[in-house]
Amino acid sequence: MKVVIVGAGSVGSSIARELLAHKHDILLIDLKPEVIGRSGLRGAHWLVGDACELSTLQGAKVEDADVVVSATGDDKVNLVVSLLAKTEFGVGRTVGRVNNPKNDWMFNDSWGVDVAVNTPQLMTALVEEAVEIGDLVRLLTLQTGVSSLVEFTVPHDSHVIGLTVGDITWPEDATLVAILRDHAPITPSRDDVIDGGDELFFVTTIAAEDELRALLSPESGETVVHEPEAVLPAGAQAPEDDGFDG
């Protein structure tokens, strides 16, 4: 996969290092030529220039990139790069770094951003995910702010323990995509039984988060289990209601 990363600071370099370790083709664009020497990123390609200029992006052949990551410390730059990559070069996927949480609302498809990464928000989520057992934690906002990736760690006294995935009536706009158990990921099926300590990962609309939270919370009074239909022996008929209550 070819990935263009704009901004070779600590964030951009860290992303590049991880992707290089997974054998991806990485091109970094930065205004400062000195970052090349101090980065220590072996195998990466470099382009010194202003990524807000069309000529720089043309020189980088951004149209051939699978993903463009705007990881500078300037939100204006990250928005402009995402917009140019999407509208002028037709890049399939753009990821934009949000430095100031107040600007988060702009990082959507209007500016060509497919995925917005709010670093402080993500760090907060990771902290909460480590300590908030029994609560729904948003890890990442996806797809123009409409959907999110959320995590729920099942408490050991949860009412969903012992139920199968198929037993539970999940919200219509929430999909269970993975179960992490004993540090091993499981692709969920209807027959998987939920256990205490399981980490459940959902892709959900932000609007459905509250419904999912209510369903999983210990105070939930909702009926979450599909009641099985009574099975009668072959040839037997259900008794008629005789009208008496006792």
C-alpha atoms as a PDB file:
ATOM      1  CA  MET A   1       0.000   0.000   0.000  1.00  0.00           C
ATOM      2  CA  LYS A   2       1.283   3.466  -0.866  1.00  0.00           C
ATOM      3  CA  VAL A   3       0.809   6.033   1.882  1.00  0.00           C
ATOM      4  CA  VAL A   4       1.644   9.728   1.690  1.00  0.00           C
ATOM      5  CA  ILE A   5       2.228  11.373   5.067  1.00  0.00           C
ATOM      6  CA  VAL A   6       2.292  15.152   5.287  1.00  0.00           C
ATOM      7  CA  GLY A   7       4.261  16.346   8.291  1.00  0.00           C
ATOM      8  CA  ALA A   8       7.363  14.537   9.532  1.00  0.00           C
ATOM      9  CA  GLY A   9       7.176  15.648  13.145  1.00  0.00           C
ATOM     10  CA  SER A  10       6.802  13.250  16.049  1.00  0.00           C
ATOM     11  CA  VAL A  11       3.290  12.141  15.012  1.00  0.00           C
ATOM     12  CA  GLY A  12       4.007  11.750  11.300  1.00  0.00           C
ATOM     13  CA  SER A  13       7.308   9.973  11.966  1.00  0.00           C
ATOM     14  CA  SER A  14       5.682   7.551  14.396  1.00  0.00           C
ATOM     15  CA  ILE A  15       2.995   6.681  11.849  1.00  0.00           C
ATOM     16  CA  ALA A  16       5.623   6.219   9.144  1.00  0.00           C
ATOM     17  CA  ARG A  17       7.751   3.997  11.376  1.00  0.00           C
ATOM     18  CA  GLU A  18       4.838   1.657  12.089  1.00  0.00           C
ATOM     19  CA  LEU A  19       3.796   1.468   8.440  1.00  0.00           C
ATOM     20  CA  LEU A  20       7.364   0.838   7.267  1.00  0.00           C
ATOM     21  CA  ALA A  21       7.581  -2.054   9.726  1.00  0.00           C
ATOM     22  CA  HIS A  22       4.557  -3.533   7.945  1.00  0.00           C
ATOM     23  CA  LYS A  23       6.277  -3.173   4.550  1.00  0.00           C
ATOM     24  CA  HIS A  24       4.170  -0.322   3.172  1.00  0.00           C
ATOM     25  CA  ASP A  25       5.493   2.200   0.648  1.00  0.00           C
ATOM     26  CA  ILE A  26       5.843   5.508   2.504  1.00  0.00           C
ATOM     27  CA  LEU A  27       6.399   9.022   1.180  1.00  0.00           C
ATOM     28  CA  LEU A  28       6.818  11.855   3.682  1.00  0.00           C
ATOM     29  CA  ILE A  29       6.328  15.509   2.740  1.00  0.00           C
ATOM     30  CA  ASP A  30       7.694  18.260   4.960  1.00  0.00           C
ATOM     31  CA  LEU A  31       8.740  21.890   4.611  1.00  0.00           C
ATOM     32  CA  LYS A  32      11.943  21.412   6.586  1.00  0.00           C
ATOM     33  CA  PRO A  33      14.774  19.514   4.867  1.00  0.00           C
ATOM     34  CA  GLU A  34      16.541  18.915   8.192  1.00  0.00           C
ATOM     35  CA  VAL A  35      13.867  16.466   9.312  1.00  0.00           C
ATOM     36  CA  ILE A  36      15.146  13.936   6.781  1.00  0.00           C
ATOM     37  CA  GLY A  37      18.450  13.514   8.554  1.00  0.00           C
ATOM     38  CA  ARG A  38      17.085  13.280  12.072  1.00  0.00           C
ATOM     39  CA  SER A  39      14.132  11.025  11.407  1.00  0.00           C
ATOM     40  CA  GLY A  40      15.938   7.691  11.230  1.00  0.00           C
ATOM     41  CA  LEU A  41      13.216   6.355   8.931  1.00  0.00           C
ATOM     42  CA  ARG A  42      15.042   3.909   6.710  1.00  0.00           C
ATOM     43  CA  GLY A  43      13.232   2.963   3.542  1.00  0.00           C
ATOM     44  CA  ALA A  44      10.967   6.011   3.448  1.00  0.00           C
ATOM     45  CA  HIS A  45      10.826   8.346   0.460  1.00  0.00           C
ATOM     46  CA  TRP A  46      11.006  12.089   1.021  1.00  0.00           C
ATOM     47  CA  LEU A  47       9.802  15.263  -0.620  1.00  0.00           C
ATOM     48  CA  VAL A  48      10.655  18.709   0.716  1.00  0.00           C
ATOM     49  CA  GLY A  49       7.923  21.206  -0.047  1.00  0.00           C
ATOM     50  CA  ASP A  50       4.646  22.852   0.881  1.00  0.00           C
ATOM     51  CA  ALA A  51       1.904  20.218   0.719  1.00  0.00           C
ATOM     52  CA  CYS A  52      -0.719  22.958   0.409  1.00  0.00           C
ATOM     53  CA  GLU A  53       0.650  23.686  -3.076  1.00  0.00           C
ATOM     54  CA  LEU A  54      -0.749  21.662  -5.955  1.00  0.00           C
ATOM     55  CA  SER A  55       2.682  21.460  -7.569  1.00  0.00           C
ATOM     56  CA  THR A  56       4.101  19.699  -4.497  1.00  0.00           C
ATOM     57  CA  LEU A  57       1.310  17.144  -4.454  1.00  0.00           C
ATOM     58  CA  GLN A  58       1.687  16.619  -8.187  1.00  0.00           C
ATOM     59  CA  GLY A  59       5.407  15.991  -7.680  1.00  0.00           C
ATOM     60  CA  ALA A  60       4.521  13.453  -5.013  1.00  0.00           C
ATOM     61  CA  LYS A  61       2.138  11.682  -7.435  1.00  0.00           C
ATOM     62  CA  VAL A  62      -0.547  11.758  -4.778  1.00  0.00           C
ATOM     63  CA  GLU A  63      -3.043  10.342  -7.269  1.00  0.00           C
ATOM     64  CA  ASP A  64      -1.236   6.994  -6.931  1.00  0.00           C
ATOM     65  CA  ALA A  65      -1.583   6.930  -3.135  1.00  0.00           C
ATOM     66  CA  ASP A  66      -3.997   4.606  -1.382  1.00  0.00           C
ATOM     67  CA  VAL A  67      -4.074   6.821   1.704  1.00  0.00           C
ATOM     68  CA  VAL A  68      -3.036  10.389   2.483  1.00  0.00           C
ATOM     69  CA  VAL A  69      -2.357  11.233   6.127  1.00  0.00           C
ATOM     70  CA  SER A  70      -2.279  14.905   7.140  1.00  0.00           C
ATOM     71  CA  ALA A  71      -0.323  14.832  10.391  1.00  0.00           C
ATOM     72  CA  THR A  72       1.066  18.337  10.792  1.00  0.00           C
ATOM     73  CA  GLY A  73       0.634  20.470  13.890  1.00  0.00           C
ATOM     74  CA  ASP A  74      -1.468  22.984  11.946  1.00  0.00           C
ATOM     75  CA  ASP A  75      -5.162  22.186  11.517  1.00  0.00           C
ATOM     76  CA  LYS A  76      -5.476  24.569   8.549  1.00  0.00           C
ATOM     77  CA  VAL A  77      -2.763  22.679   6.684  1.00  0.00           C
ATOM     78  CA  ASN A  78      -4.329  19.309   7.507  1.00  0.00           C
ATOM     79  CA  LEU A  79      -7.710  20.441   6.201  1.00  0.00           C
ATOM     80  CA  VAL A  80      -6.324  21.916   2.980  1.00  0.00           C
ATOM     81  CA  VAL A  81      -4.203  18.837   2.245  1.00  0.00           C
ATOM     82  CA  SER A  82      -7.156  16.507   2.832  1.00  0.00           C
ATOM     83  CA  LEU A  83      -9.396  18.585   0.600  1.00  0.00           C
ATOM     84  CA  LEU A  84      -6.843  18.729  -2.237  1.00  0.00           C
ATOM     85  CA  ALA A  85      -6.058  15.017  -1.962  1.00  0.00           C
ATOM     86  CA  LYS A  86      -9.733  14.111  -2.193  1.00  0.00           C
ATOM     87  CA  THR A  87     -11.028  16.616  -4.753  1.00  0.00           C
ATOM     88  CA  GLU A  88      -8.018  17.190  -7.009  1.00  0.00           C
ATOM     89  CA  PHE A  89      -6.368  13.774  -6.916  1.00  0.00           C
ATOM     90  CA  GLY A  90      -9.216  11.397  -6.078  1.00  0.00           C
ATOM     91  CA  VAL A  91      -7.420   9.703  -3.178  1.00  0.00           C
ATOM     92  CA  GLY A  92      -9.571   6.908  -1.787  1.00  0.00           C
ATOM     93  CA  ARG A  93      -8.904   7.506   1.899  1.00  0.00           C
ATOM     94  CA  THR A  94      -7.751  10.550   3.839  1.00  0.00           C
ATOM     95  CA  VAL A  95      -6.846  10.746   7.517  1.00  0.00           C
ATOM     96  CA  GLY A  96      -6.612  14.131   9.208  1.00  0.00           C
ATOM     97  CA  ARG A  97      -4.961  14.957  12.527  1.00  0.00           C
ATOM     98  CA  VAL A  98      -6.990  17.324  14.727  1.00  0.00           C
ATOM     99  CA  ASN A  99      -4.725  19.409  16.960  1.00  0.00           C
ATOM    100  CA  ASN A 100      -7.306  21.723  18.491  1.00  0.00           C
ATOM    101  CA  PRO A 101     -10.461  19.916  19.674  1.00  0.00           C
ATOM    102  CA  LYS A 102     -12.447  23.084  18.887  1.00  0.00           C
ATOM    103  CA  ASN A 103     -11.769  22.419  15.196  1.00  0.00           C
ATOM    104  CA  ASP A 104     -13.029  18.851  15.300  1.00  0.00           C
ATOM    105  CA  TRP A 105     -16.365  19.762  13.678  1.00  0.00           C
ATOM    106  CA  MET A 106     -14.618  20.844  10.458  1.00  0.00           C
ATOM    107  CA  PHE A 107     -12.867  17.527   9.889  1.00  0.00           C
ATOM    108  CA  ASN A 108     -15.574  15.905   7.793  1.00  0.00           C
ATOM    109  CA  ASP A 109     -16.362  15.128   4.159  1.00  0.00           C
ATOM    110  CA  SER A 110     -16.911  18.810   3.406  1.00  0.00           C
ATOM    111  CA  TRP A 111     -13.139  19.179   3.757  1.00  0.00           C
ATOM    112  CA  GLY A 112     -12.356  15.797   2.226  1.00  0.00           C
ATOM    113  CA  VAL A 113     -11.565  14.087   5.544  1.00  0.00           C
ATOM    114  CA  ASP A 114     -12.620  10.439   5.802  1.00  0.00           C
ATOM    115  CA  VAL A 115     -11.239   9.812   9.288  1.00  0.00           C
ATOM    116  CA  ALA A 116     -10.433  12.503  11.846  1.00  0.00           C
ATOM    117  CA  VAL A 117      -7.981  11.625  14.609  1.00  0.00           C
ATOM    118  CA  ASN A 118      -8.255  13.901  17.612  1.00  0.00           C
ATOM    119  CA  THR A 119      -5.107  13.020  19.536  1.00  0.00           C
ATOM    120  CA  PRO A 120      -6.175  14.357  22.958  1.00  0.00           C
ATOM    121  CA  GLN A 121      -9.595  12.747  22.555  1.00  0.00           C
ATOM    122  CA  LEU A 122      -8.017   9.437  21.536  1.00  0.00           C
ATOM    123  CA  MET A 123      -5.614   9.518  24.487  1.00  0.00           C
ATOM    124  CA  THR A 124      -8.517  10.236  26.828  1.00  0.00           C
ATOM    125  CA  ALA A 125     -10.459   7.337  25.327  1.00  0.00           C
ATOM    126  CA  LEU A 126      -7.544   4.969  25.787  1.00  0.00           C
ATOM    127  CA  VAL A 127      -7.211   5.994  29.428  1.00  0.00           C
ATOM    128  CA  GLU A 128     -10.955   5.512  29.958  1.00  0.00           C
ATOM    129  CA  GLU A 129     -10.858   2.197  28.148  1.00  0.00           C
ATOM    130  CA  ALA A 130      -8.239   0.999  30.625  1.00  0.00           C
ATOM    131  CA  VAL A 131     -10.150   1.994  33.756  1.00  0.00           C
ATOM    132  CA  GLU A 132     -13.848   2.314  32.901  1.00  0.00           C
ATOM    133  CA  ILE A 133     -15.024  -1.286  33.062  1.00  0.00           C
ATOM    134  CA  GLY A 134     -18.740  -1.454  32.497  1.00  0.00           C
ATOM    135  CA  ASP A 135     -19.049   1.760  30.511  1.00  0.00           C
ATOM    136  CA  LEU A 136     -19.121   2.364  26.774  1.00  0.00           C
ATOM    137  CA  VAL A 137     -15.971   4.174  25.586  1.00  0.00           C
ATOM    138  CA  ARG A 138     -15.662   5.869  22.200  1.00  0.00           C
ATOM    139  CA  LEU A 139     -12.238   5.090  20.714  1.00  0.00           C
ATOM    140  CA  LEU A 140     -12.478   6.745  17.319  1.00  0.00           C
ATOM    141  CA  THR A 141     -14.871   8.799  15.213  1.00  0.00           C
ATOM    142  CA  LEU A 142     -15.305   7.449  11.689  1.00  0.00           C
ATOM    143  CA  GLN A 143     -16.892   8.511   8.430  1.00  0.00           C
ATOM    144  CA  THR A 144     -17.516  12.220   8.683  1.00  0.00           C
ATOM    145  CA  GLY A 145     -18.540  12.161  12.320  1.00  0.00           C
ATOM    146  CA  VAL A 146     -21.592   9.947  11.803  1.00  0.00           C
ATOM    147  CA  SER A 147     -20.143   6.637  13.031  1.00  0.00           C
ATOM    148  CA  SER A 148     -17.726   5.616  15.746  1.00  0.00           C
ATOM    149  CA  LEU A 149     -15.692   2.697  17.047  1.00  0.00           C
ATOM    150  CA  VAL A 150     -16.623   2.019  20.672  1.00  0.00           C
ATOM    151  CA  GLU A 151     -15.491  -0.480  23.297  1.00  0.00           C
ATOM    152  CA  PHE A 152     -17.284  -2.076  26.258  1.00  0.00           C
ATOM    153  CA  THR A 153     -15.529  -4.211  28.859  1.00  0.00           C
ATOM    154  CA  VAL A 154     -18.023  -6.670  30.342  1.00  0.00           C
ATOM    155  CA  PRO A 155     -18.066  -6.513  34.174  1.00  0.00           C
ATOM    156  CA  HIS A 156     -17.926  -9.843  35.971  1.00  0.00           C
ATOM    157  CA  ASP A 157     -21.413  -9.236  37.397  1.00  0.00           C
ATOM    158  CA  SER A 158     -22.956  -8.145  34.090  1.00  0.00           C
ATOM    159  CA  HIS A 159     -26.440  -9.301  33.125  1.00  0.00           C
ATOM    160  CA  VAL A 160     -25.179 -10.249  29.630  1.00  0.00           C
ATOM    161  CA  ILE A 161     -22.740 -12.911  30.896  1.00  0.00           C
ATOM    162  CA  GLY A 162     -23.793 -16.346  29.681  1.00  0.00           C
ATOM    163  CA  LEU A 163     -25.844 -15.000  26.807  1.00  0.00           C
ATOM    164  CA  THR A 164     -24.827 -15.726  23.251  1.00  0.00           C
ATOM    165  CA  VAL A 165     -24.311 -12.925  20.754  1.00  0.00           C
ATOM    166  CA  GLY A 166     -27.452 -14.131  18.970  1.00  0.00           C
ATOM    167  CA  ASP A 167     -29.496 -13.969  22.192  1.00  0.00           C
ATOM    168  CA  ILE A 168     -29.163 -10.200  22.443  1.00  0.00           C
ATOM    169  CA  THR A 169     -31.247  -7.757  20.435  1.00  0.00           C
ATOM    170  CA  TRP A 170     -28.586  -5.229  19.504  1.00  0.00           C
ATOM    171  CA  PRO A 171     -29.532  -1.701  18.381  1.00  0.00           C
ATOM    172  CA  GLU A 172     -30.218  -1.540  14.662  1.00  0.00           C
ATOM    173  CA  ASP A 173     -27.331   0.845  13.970  1.00  0.00           C
ATOM    174  CA  ALA A 174     -24.726  -0.927  16.122  1.00  0.00           C
ATOM    175  CA  THR A 175     -22.664  -3.884  14.894  1.00  0.00           C
ATOM    176  CA  LEU A 176     -20.469  -6.076  17.090  1.00  0.00           C
ATOM    177  CA  VAL A 177     -17.275  -6.445  15.048  1.00  0.00           C
ATOM    178  CA  ALA A 178     -14.826  -8.086  17.470  1.00  0.00           C
ATOM    179  CA  ILE A 179     -14.451  -9.662  20.904  1.00  0.00           C
ATOM    180  CA  LEU A 180     -11.104  -9.449  22.698  1.00  0.00           C
ATOM    181  CA  ARG A 181     -10.725 -12.291  25.214  1.00  0.00           C
ATOM    182  CA  ASP A 182      -7.488 -13.107  27.046  1.00  0.00           C
ATOM    183  CA  HIS A 183      -5.661 -10.738  24.656  1.00  0.00           C
ATOM    184  CA  ALA A 184      -6.855 -12.771  21.640  1.00  0.00           C
ATOM    185  CA  PRO A 185      -9.284 -11.310  19.075  1.00  0.00           C
ATOM    186  CA  ILE A 186     -12.391 -13.302  18.182  1.00  0.00           C
ATOM    187  CA  THR A 187     -14.616 -12.736  15.168  1.00  0.00           C
ATOM    188  CA  PRO A 188     -18.064 -12.870  16.765  1.00  0.00           C
ATOM    189  CA  SER A 189     -20.698 -15.357  15.664  1.00  0.00           C
ATOM    190  CA  ARG A 190     -24.266 -15.813  16.917  1.00  0.00           C
ATOM    191  CA  ASP A 191     -23.172 -18.797  19.039  1.00  0.00           C
ATOM    192  CA  ASP A 192     -20.318 -17.073  20.922  1.00  0.00           C
ATOM    193  CA  VAL A 193     -21.097 -16.840  24.649  1.00  0.00           C
ATOM    194  CA  ILE A 194     -20.258 -13.550  26.366  1.00  0.00           C
ATOM    195  CA  ASP A 195     -18.021 -13.839  29.415  1.00  0.00           C
ATOM    196  CA  GLY A 196     -16.934 -11.447  32.142  1.00  0.00           C
ATOM    197  CA  GLY A 197     -13.866  -9.431  31.155  1.00  0.00           C
ATOM    198  CA  ASP A 198     -14.609  -9.684  27.428  1.00  0.00           C
ATOM    199  CA  GLU A 199     -13.892  -6.502  25.515  1.00  0.00           C
ATOM    200  CA  LEU A 200     -16.636  -5.912  22.956  1.00  0.00           C
ATOM    201  CA  PHE A 201     -15.910  -3.644  20.010  1.00  0.00           C
ATOM    202  CA  PHE A 202     -18.752  -2.084  18.030  1.00  0.00           C
ATOM    203  CA  VAL A 203     -19.036   0.089  14.941  1.00  0.00           C
ATOM    204  CA  THR A 204     -22.087   2.228  15.619  1.00  0.00           C
ATOM    205  CA  THR A 205     -23.700   5.459  14.652  1.00  0.00           C
ATOM    206  CA  ILE A 206     -23.070   8.124  17.252  1.00  0.00           C
ATOM    207  CA  ALA A 207     -26.842   8.494  17.588  1.00  0.00           C
ATOM    208  CA  ALA A 208     -27.121   4.818  18.612  1.00  0.00           C
ATOM    209  CA  GLU A 209     -24.406   4.981  21.288  1.00  0.00           C
ATOM    210  CA  ASP A 210     -26.864   5.882  24.052  1.00  0.00           C
ATOM    211  CA  GLU A 211     -29.129   2.982  23.106  1.00  0.00           C
ATOM    212  CA  LEU A 212     -26.164   0.596  23.163  1.00  0.00           C
ATOM    213  CA  ARG A 213     -25.002   2.021  26.496  1.00  0.00           C
ATOM    214  CA  ALA A 214     -28.479   1.533  27.990  1.00  0.00           C
ATOM    215  CA  LEU A 215     -28.626  -2.040  26.709  1.00  0.00           C
ATOM    216  CA  LEU A 216     -25.291  -2.996  28.288  1.00  0.00           C
ATOM    217  CA  SER A 217     -25.547  -1.054  31.536  1.00  0.00           C
ATOM    218  CA  PRO A 218     -26.277  -2.980  34.746  1.00  0.00           C
ATOM    219  CA  GLU A 219     -29.383  -0.860  35.313  1.00  0.00           C
ATOM    220  CA  SER A 220     -30.834  -1.789  31.939  1.00  0.00           C
ATOM    221  CA  GLY A 221     -34.432  -2.829  32.301  1.00  0.00           C
ATOM    222  CA  GLU A 222     -34.808  -3.752  28.662  1.00  0.00           C
ATOM    223  CA  THR A 223     -35.526  -7.267  27.538  1.00  0.00           C
ATOM    224  CA  VAL A 224     -32.415  -8.205  25.630  1.00  0.00           C
ATOM    225  CA  VAL A 225     -32.945 -11.917  25.188  1.00  0.00           C
ATOM    226  CA  HIS A 226     -34.850 -13.525  22.365  1.00  0.00           C
ATOM    227  CA  GLU A 227     -37.344 -15.772  24.187  1.00  0.00           C
ATOM    228  CA  PRO A 228     -37.340 -19.294  22.665  1.00  0.00           C
ATOM    229  CA  GLU A 229     -40.659 -20.583  21.378  1.00  0.00           C
ATOM    230  CA  ALA A 230     -42.180 -23.522  23.254  1.00  0.00           C
ATOM    231  CA  VAL A 231     -41.574 -26.840  21.513  1.00  0.00           C
ATOM    232  CA  LEU A 232     -44.369 -29.427  21.839  1.00  0.00           C
ATOM    233  CA  PRO A 233     -43.964 -33.182  21.370  1.00  0.00           C
ATOM    234  CA  ALA A 234     -44.898 -34.507  17.968  1.00  0.00           C
ATOM    235  CA  GLY A 235     -48.672 -34.761  17.599  1.00  0.00           C
ATOM    236  CA  ALA A 236     -49.412 -32.765  20.749  1.00  0.00           C
ATOM    237  CA  GLN A 237     -51.643 -29.716  20.731  1.00  0.00           C
ATOM    238  CA  ALA A 238     -51.311 -26.621  22.856  1.00  0.00           C
ATOM    239  CA  PRO A 239     -53.903 -26.571  25.671  1.00  0.00           C
ATOM    240  CA  GLU A 240     -56.785 -24.195  25.208  1.00  0.00           C
ATOM    241  CA  ASP A 241     -57.203 -21.303  27.599  1.00  0.00           C
ATOM    242  CA  ASP A 242     -60.013 -22.305  29.979  1.00  0.00           C
ATOM    243  CA  GLY A 243     -60.488 -18.797  31.205  1.00  0.00           C
ATOM    244  CA  PHE A 244     -59.366 -19.493  34.783  1.00  0.00           C
ATOM    245  CA  ASP A 245     -56.437 -17.640  36.299  1.00  0.00           C
ATOM    246  CA  GLY A 246     -55.530 -20.014  39.066  1.00  0.00           C
END
